[in-house]
Amino acid sequence: MLRLWHAVLAGGFVVAWATGDENTYALHQFSGYVVLAALMVRGLIAAFSPADSLLGWPKLSRAQVWDWLAIRRGRNPLFAGLALALLATVAATAASGAIADWVTWMEHPHEAASDITLAVIFAHIAFVFYQYGGRPWVLTQIRRIRASLWGMK
């Protein structure tokens, strides 16, 4: 279910970002509201999830980072920090876009928020590639997808 949410959020953001000009503004608005709805659903799920659940709010502490750096085992706590940064920047972009529908001067802050979000997204992608070994990880994922879709190895 988390992967579906991730796909809706990422896909909605990509579509909104790609359709930000005047000719495709209706699609831009629709996909922006899809992103906003996905964030609201995620917020509700996190609010009612147990604290130790992956569905809860990501938590990051300096002690966790130092502990992980000492042993380098388990899930890197910087994932939580990056998740918080992504949620915050995507939420700022989606919310400012919704406000910009009614308050026109919010268009510039909305564009700035989307640029910042794009930088955080690239940092997220780079971090995931770094954490999972880059190219070998990508090739493994491609093989998994091919195997699940076409029964190929």
Foldseek 3Di string as FASTA:
>chain_A
DVVVLVCLLVVLLVQLVVQVDDVRVVSNLVSLVSNLVSLVVLVVQQVPDDPPDPSHQQDADPVLQVVCVVPVDDDHSVVNVLVVVLSVLSNQLSVLVVVCVPVVVSPVVNVVSSVVNVVSVVVVVVVVCVVQVHPVVVVVVVQVVCCVPPVGD
